């Protein structure tokens, strides 16, 4: 029983043209994925930076240090 997938395969050069087209579109897909990844990383960085508290210490201040090695 033929399916849509098997009927769309063309014998000869038609299939090679489709493969070349897919290879041409591959670079665009990679660029789109890189853009999505960069957007996601920026969003996560913003989320993290919003919640982190900066702490600075001055010379002479006492600081509690947890030392697991001792």
PDB file of N, CA and C in Angstrom:
ATOM      1  N   UNK A   1       0.851  -1.174   0.000  1.00  0.00           N
ATOM      2  CA  UNK A   1       0.000   0.000   0.000  1.00  0.00           C
ATOM      3  C   UNK A   1       0.899   1.240   0.000  1.00  0.00           C
ATOM      4  N   UNK A   2       0.783   2.078  -0.978  1.00  0.00           N
ATOM      5  CA  UNK A   2       1.635   3.270  -1.032  1.00  0.00           C
ATOM      6  C   UNK A   2       1.202   4.308  -0.005  1.00  0.00           C
ATOM      7  N   UNK A   3       2.204   4.947   0.568  1.00  0.00           N
ATOM      8  CA  UNK A   3       1.944   6.028   1.519  1.00  0.00           C
ATOM      9  C   UNK A   3       2.423   7.335   0.901  1.00  0.00           C
ATOM     10  N   UNK A   4       2.100   8.413   1.562  1.00  0.00           N
ATOM     11  CA  UNK A   4       2.508   9.731   1.065  1.00  0.00           C
ATOM     12  C   UNK A   4       4.026   9.825   0.977  1.00  0.00           C
ATOM     13  N   UNK A   5       4.699   9.262   1.977  1.00  0.00           N
ATOM     14  CA  UNK A   5       6.155   9.327   2.012  1.00  0.00           C
ATOM     15  C   UNK A   5       6.782   8.581   0.832  1.00  0.00           C
ATOM     16  N   UNK A   6       6.255   7.398   0.522  1.00  0.00           N
ATOM     17  CA  UNK A   6       6.836   6.616  -0.572  1.00  0.00           C
ATOM     18  C   UNK A   6       6.447   7.170  -1.930  1.00  0.00           C
ATOM     19  N   UNK A   7       5.298   7.790  -2.032  1.00  0.00           N
ATOM     20  CA  UNK A   7       4.904   8.352  -3.325  1.00  0.00           C
ATOM     21  C   UNK A   7       5.667   9.628  -3.656  1.00  0.00           C
ATOM     22  N   UNK A   8       6.195  10.329  -2.629  1.00  0.00           N
ATOM     23  CA  UNK A   8       6.916  11.572  -2.865  1.00  0.00           C
ATOM     24  C   UNK A   8       8.362  11.328  -3.308  1.00  0.00           C
ATOM     25  N   UNK A   9       8.872  10.123  -3.122  1.00  0.00           N
ATOM     26  CA  UNK A   9      10.239   9.814  -3.555  1.00  0.00           C
ATOM     27  C   UNK A   9      10.243   9.644  -5.059  1.00  0.00           C
ATOM     28  N   UNK A  10      11.102  10.411  -5.698  1.00  0.00           N
ATOM     29  CA  UNK A  10      11.192  10.351  -7.149  1.00  0.00           C
ATOM     30  C   UNK A  10      12.448   9.597  -7.527  1.00  0.00           C
ATOM     31  N   UNK A  11      12.357   8.796  -8.523  1.00  0.00           N
ATOM     32  CA  UNK A  11      13.514   8.043  -8.996  1.00  0.00           C
ATOM     33  C   UNK A  11      14.420   8.958  -9.813  1.00  0.00           C
ATOM     34  N   UNK A  12      15.725   8.717  -9.731  1.00  0.00           N
ATOM     35  CA  UNK A  12      16.662   9.466 -10.560  1.00  0.00           C
ATOM     36  C   UNK A  12      17.121  10.750  -9.912  1.00  0.00           C
ATOM     37  N   UNK A  13      17.169  11.831 -10.685  1.00  0.00           N
ATOM     38  CA  UNK A  13      17.734  13.092 -10.217  1.00  0.00           C
ATOM     39  C   UNK A  13      16.788  13.895  -9.341  1.00  0.00           C
ATOM     40  N   UNK A  14      15.523  13.598  -9.360  1.00  0.00           N
ATOM     41  CA  UNK A  14      14.575  14.344  -8.532  1.00  0.00           C
ATOM     42  C   UNK A  14      14.916  14.234  -7.066  1.00  0.00           C
ATOM     43  N   UNK A  15      15.349  13.056  -6.675  1.00  0.00           N
ATOM     44  CA  UNK A  15      15.701  12.849  -5.275  1.00  0.00           C
ATOM     45  C   UNK A  15      16.989  13.598  -4.921  1.00  0.00           C
ATOM     46  N   UNK A  16      17.932  13.655  -5.857  1.00  0.00           N
ATOM     47  CA  UNK A  16      19.174  14.385  -5.610  1.00  0.00           C
ATOM     48  C   UNK A  16      18.906  15.877  -5.453  1.00  0.00           C
ATOM     49  N   UNK A  17      17.975  16.412  -6.205  1.00  0.00           N
ATOM     50  CA  UNK A  17      17.629  17.822  -6.077  1.00  0.00           C
ATOM     51  C   UNK A  17      17.052  18.113  -4.697  1.00  0.00           C
ATOM     52  N   UNK A  18      16.222  17.207  -4.215  1.00  0.00           N
ATOM     53  CA  UNK A  18      15.645  17.378  -2.883  1.00  0.00           C
ATOM     54  C   UNK A  18      16.734  17.334  -1.815  1.00  0.00           C
ATOM     55  N   UNK A  19      17.697  16.434  -1.976  1.00  0.00           N
ATOM     56  CA  UNK A  19      18.791  16.333  -1.012  1.00  0.00           C
ATOM     57  C   UNK A  19      19.645  17.604  -1.027  1.00  0.00           C
ATOM     58  N   UNK A  20      19.907  18.150  -2.189  1.00  0.00           N
ATOM     59  CA  UNK A  20      20.671  19.397  -2.287  1.00  0.00           C
ATOM     60  C   UNK A  20      19.915  20.553  -1.644  1.00  0.00           C
ATOM     61  N   UNK A  21      18.609  20.586  -1.860  1.00  0.00           N
ATOM     62  CA  UNK A  21      17.798  21.630  -1.241  1.00  0.00           C
ATOM     63  C   UNK A  21      17.849  21.510   0.280  1.00  0.00           C
ATOM     64  N   UNK A  22      17.760  20.288   0.782  1.00  0.00           N
ATOM     65  CA  UNK A  22      17.841  20.086   2.232  1.00  0.00           C
ATOM     66  C   UNK A  22      19.202  20.510   2.767  1.00  0.00           C
ATOM     67  N   UNK A  23      20.265  20.243   2.026  1.00  0.00           N
ATOM     68  CA  UNK A  23      21.593  20.670   2.458  1.00  0.00           C
ATOM     69  C   UNK A  23      21.718  22.186   2.453  1.00  0.00           C
ATOM     70  N   UNK A  24      21.085  22.840   1.491  1.00  0.00           N
ATOM     71  CA  UNK A  24      21.104  24.302   1.465  1.00  0.00           C
ATOM     72  C   UNK A  24      20.355  24.883   2.655  1.00  0.00           C
ATOM     73  N   UNK A  25      19.270  24.259   3.026  1.00  0.00           N
ATOM     74  CA  UNK A  25      18.477  24.749   4.145  1.00  0.00           C
ATOM     75  C   UNK A  25      19.101  24.395   5.494  1.00  0.00           C
ATOM     76  N   UNK A  26      20.034  23.461   5.490  1.00  0.00           N
ATOM     77  CA  UNK A  26      20.666  23.036   6.730  1.00  0.00           C
ATOM     78  C   UNK A  26      21.403  24.194   7.398  1.00  0.00           C
ATOM     79  N   UNK A  27      22.103  24.997   6.630  1.00  0.00           N
ATOM     80  CA  UNK A  27      22.833  26.136   7.191  1.00  0.00           C
ATOM     81  C   UNK A  27      21.872  27.133   7.840  1.00  0.00           C
ATOM     82  N   UNK A  28      20.734  27.364   7.213  1.00  0.00           N
ATOM     83  CA  UNK A  28      19.743  28.276   7.798  1.00  0.00           C
ATOM     84  C   UNK A  28      19.193  27.717   9.103  1.00  0.00           C
ATOM     85  N   UNK A  29      18.968  26.418   9.144  1.00  0.00           N
ATOM     86  CA  UNK A  29      18.478  25.795  10.380  1.00  0.00           C
ATOM     87  C   UNK A  29      19.510  25.916  11.489  1.00  0.00           C
ATOM     88  N   UNK A  30      20.778  25.742  11.150  1.00  0.00           N
ATOM     89  CA  UNK A  30      21.833  25.873  12.153  1.00  0.00           C
ATOM     90  C   UNK A  30      21.895  27.297  12.687  1.00  0.00           C
ATOM     91  N   UNK A  31      21.770  28.275  11.811  1.00  0.00           N
ATOM     92  CA  UNK A  31      21.792  29.671  12.249  1.00  0.00           C
ATOM     93  C   UNK A  31      20.601  29.983  13.148  1.00  0.00           C
ATOM     94  N   UNK A  32      19.442  29.472  12.788  1.00  0.00           N
ATOM     95  CA  UNK A  32      18.247  29.695  13.609  1.00  0.00           C
ATOM     96  C   UNK A  32      18.415  29.049  14.976  1.00  0.00           C
ATOM     97  N   UNK A  33      19.013  27.864  15.012  1.00  0.00           N
ATOM     98  CA  UNK A  33      19.239  27.183  16.289  1.00  0.00           C
ATOM     99  C   UNK A  33      20.245  27.957  17.134  1.00  0.00           C
ATOM    100  N   UNK A  34      21.275  28.507  16.512  1.00  0.00           N
ATOM    101  CA  UNK A  34      22.265  29.298  17.254  1.00  0.00           C
ATOM    102  C   UNK A  34      21.632  30.557  17.828  1.00  0.00           C
ATOM    103  N   UNK A  35      20.735  31.179  17.080  1.00  0.00           N
ATOM    104  CA  UNK A  35      20.036  32.371  17.575  1.00  0.00           C
ATOM    105  C   UNK A  35      19.140  32.015  18.761  1.00  0.00           C
ATOM    106  N   UNK A  36      18.422  30.894  18.655  1.00  0.00           N
ATOM    107  CA  UNK A  36      17.573  30.451  19.770  1.00  0.00           C
ATOM    108  C   UNK A  36      18.406  30.148  21.008  1.00  0.00           C
ATOM    109  N   UNK A  37      19.563  29.509  20.805  1.00  0.00           N
ATOM    110  CA  UNK A  37      20.439  29.176  21.928  1.00  0.00           C
ATOM    111  C   UNK A  37      20.957  30.445  22.602  1.00  0.00           C
ATOM    112  N   UNK A  38      21.371  31.430  21.825  1.00  0.00           N
ATOM    113  CA  UNK A  38      21.871  32.685  22.390  1.00  0.00           C
ATOM    114  C   UNK A  38      20.773  33.412  23.156  1.00  0.00           C
ATOM    115  N   UNK A  39      19.568  33.417  22.613  1.00  0.00           N
ATOM    116  CA  UNK A  39      18.444  34.064  23.297  1.00  0.00           C
ATOM    117  C   UNK A  39      18.150  33.374  24.629  1.00  0.00           C
ATOM    118  N   UNK A  40      18.194  32.046  24.630  1.00  0.00           N
ATOM    119  CA  UNK A  40      17.940  31.279  25.852  1.00  0.00           C
ATOM    120  C   UNK A  40      19.019  31.573  26.895  1.00  0.00           C
ATOM    121  N   UNK A  41      20.287  31.617  26.476  1.00  0.00           N
ATOM    122  CA  UNK A  41      21.371  31.878  27.416  1.00  0.00           C
ATOM    123  C   UNK A  41      21.273  33.279  28.002  1.00  0.00           C
ATOM    124  N   UNK A  42      20.897  34.256  27.177  1.00  0.00           N
ATOM    125  CA  UNK A  42      20.734  35.611  27.691  1.00  0.00           C
ATOM    126  C   UNK A  42      19.600  35.681  28.700  1.00  0.00           C
ATOM    127  N   UNK A  43      18.532  34.956  28.424  1.00  0.00           N
ATOM    128  CA  UNK A  43      17.388  34.940  29.339  1.00  0.00           C
ATOM    129  C   UNK A  43      17.781  34.310  30.676  1.00  0.00           C
ATOM    130  N   UNK A  44      18.544  33.211  30.636  1.00  0.00           N
ATOM    131  CA  UNK A  44      18.974  32.559  31.861  1.00  0.00           C
ATOM    132  C   UNK A  44      19.964  33.436  32.632  1.00  0.00           C
ATOM    133  N   UNK A  45      20.831  34.138  31.927  1.00  0.00           N
ATOM    134  CA  UNK A  45      21.779  35.039  32.573  1.00  0.00           C
ATOM    135  C   UNK A  45      21.035  36.174  33.276  1.00  0.00           C
ATOM    136  N   UNK A  46      20.036  36.724  32.613  1.00  0.00           N
ATOM    137  CA  UNK A  46      19.239  37.796  33.218  1.00  0.00           C
ATOM    138  C   UNK A  46      18.509  37.288  34.457  1.00  0.00           C
ATOM    139  N   UNK A  47      17.958  36.092  34.382  1.00  0.00           N
ATOM    140  CA  UNK A  47      17.256  35.483  35.519  1.00  0.00           C
ATOM    141  C   UNK A  47      18.211  35.305  36.692  1.00  0.00           C
ATOM    142  N   UNK A  48      19.402  34.806  36.420  1.00  0.00           N
ATOM    143  CA  UNK A  48      20.387  34.589  37.482  1.00  0.00           C
ATOM    144  C   UNK A  48      20.842  35.915  38.087  1.00  0.00           C
ATOM    145  N   UNK A  49      21.173  36.872  37.242  1.00  0.00           N
ATOM    146  CA  UNK A  49      21.695  38.153  37.727  1.00  0.00           C
ATOM    147  C   UNK A  49      20.665  38.935  38.527  1.00  0.00           C
ATOM    148  N   UNK A  50      19.402  38.694  38.271  1.00  0.00           N
ATOM    149  CA  UNK A  50      18.357  39.386  39.010  1.00  0.00           C
ATOM    150  C   UNK A  50      18.299  38.905  40.466  1.00  0.00           C
ATOM    151  N   UNK A  51      18.681  37.661  40.695  1.00  0.00           N
ATOM    152  CA  UNK A  51      18.544  37.068  42.018  1.00  0.00           C
ATOM    153  C   UNK A  51      19.835  36.993  42.830  1.00  0.00           C
ATOM    154  N   UNK A  52      20.970  37.197  42.197  1.00  0.00           N
ATOM    155  CA  UNK A  52      22.228  37.101  42.921  1.00  0.00           C
ATOM    156  C   UNK A  52      22.483  38.383  43.710  1.00  0.00           C
ATOM    157  N   UNK A  53      23.065  38.227  44.893  1.00  0.00           N
ATOM    158  CA  UNK A  53      23.401  39.387  45.718  1.00  0.00           C
ATOM    159  C   UNK A  53      24.908  39.549  45.737  1.00  0.00           C
ATOM    160  N   UNK A  54      25.367  40.739  45.446  1.00  0.00           N
ATOM    161  CA  UNK A  54      26.793  41.003  45.473  1.00  0.00           C
ATOM    162  C   UNK A  54      27.227  41.269  46.907  1.00  0.00           C
ATOM    163  N   UNK A  55      28.315  40.622  47.296  1.00  0.00           N
ATOM    164  CA  UNK A  55      28.871  40.812  48.633  1.00  0.00           C
ATOM    165  C   UNK A  55      30.335  41.183  48.467  1.00  0.00           C
ATOM    166  N   UNK A  56      30.728  42.250  49.111  1.00  0.00           N
ATOM    167  CA  UNK A  56      32.139  42.644  49.069  1.00  0.00           C
ATOM    168  C   UNK A  56      32.657  42.705  50.502  1.00  0.00           C
ATOM    169  N   UNK A  57      33.885  42.324  50.663  1.00  0.00           N
ATOM    170  CA  UNK A  57      34.507  42.322  51.977  1.00  0.00           C
ATOM    171  C   UNK A  57      35.650  43.326  51.985  1.00  0.00           C
ATOM    172  N   UNK A  58      35.860  43.911  53.157  1.00  0.00           N
ATOM    173  CA  UNK A  58      36.937  44.866  53.329  1.00  0.00           C
ATOM    174  C   UNK A  58      38.029  44.223  54.184  1.00  0.00           C
ATOM    175  N   UNK A  59      39.205  44.756  54.080  1.00  0.00           N
ATOM    176  CA  UNK A  59      40.329  44.248  54.855  1.00  0.00           C
ATOM    177  C   UNK A  59      40.041  44.453  56.334  1.00  0.00           C
ATOM    178  N   UNK A  60      40.213  43.395  57.121  1.00  0.00           N
ATOM    179  CA  UNK A  60      39.997  43.488  58.555  1.00  0.00           C
ATOM    180  C   UNK A  60      38.642  42.963  58.998  1.00  0.00           C
ATOM    181  N   UNK A  61      37.730  42.712  58.107  1.00  0.00           N
ATOM    182  CA  UNK A  61      36.424  42.176  58.483  1.00  0.00           C
ATOM    183  C   UNK A  61      36.548  40.693  58.789  1.00  0.00           C
ATOM    184  N   UNK A  62      35.731  40.248  59.722  1.00  0.00           N
ATOM    185  CA  UNK A  62      35.700  38.827  60.027  1.00  0.00           C
ATOM    186  C   UNK A  62      34.731  38.140  59.072  1.00  0.00           C
ATOM    187  N   UNK A  63      35.175  37.003  58.589  1.00  0.00           N
ATOM    188  CA  UNK A  63      34.373  36.265  57.620  1.00  0.00           C
ATOM    189  C   UNK A  63      34.272  34.826  58.085  1.00  0.00           C
ATOM    190  N   UNK A  64      33.072  34.290  58.084  1.00  0.00           N
ATOM    191  CA  UNK A  64      32.880  32.879  58.407  1.00  0.00           C
ATOM    192  C   UNK A  64      33.248  32.055  57.186  1.00  0.00           C
ATOM    193  N   UNK A  65      34.169  31.134  57.396  1.00  0.00           N
ATOM    194  CA  UNK A  65      34.594  30.286  56.292  1.00  0.00           C
ATOM    195  C   UNK A  65      34.365  28.845  56.687  1.00  0.00           C
ATOM    196  N   UNK A  66      33.594  28.154  55.886  1.00  0.00           N
ATOM    197  CA  UNK A  66      33.316  26.751  56.132  1.00  0.00           C
ATOM    198  C   UNK A  66      34.416  25.942  55.459  1.00  0.00           C
ATOM    199  N   UNK A  67      35.149  25.190  56.269  1.00  0.00           N
ATOM    200  CA  UNK A  67      36.267  24.435  55.746  1.00  0.00           C
ATOM    201  C   UNK A  67      35.968  22.958  55.891  1.00  0.00           C
ATOM    202  N   UNK A  68      35.627  22.303  54.819  1.00  0.00           N
ATOM    203  CA  UNK A  68      35.277  20.880  54.834  1.00  0.00           C
ATOM    204  C   UNK A  68      36.504  19.991  54.996  1.00  0.00           C
ATOM    205  N   UNK A  69      37.676  20.493  54.627  1.00  0.00           N
ATOM    206  CA  UNK A  69      38.879  19.668  54.640  1.00  0.00           C
ATOM    207  C   UNK A  69      39.369  19.370  56.038  1.00  0.00           C
ATOM    208  N   UNK A  70      39.156  20.254  56.979  1.00  0.00           N
ATOM    209  CA  UNK A  70      39.711  20.047  58.331  1.00  0.00           C
ATOM    210  C   UNK A  70      38.837  19.190  59.202  1.00  0.00           C
TER     211      UNK A  70
END
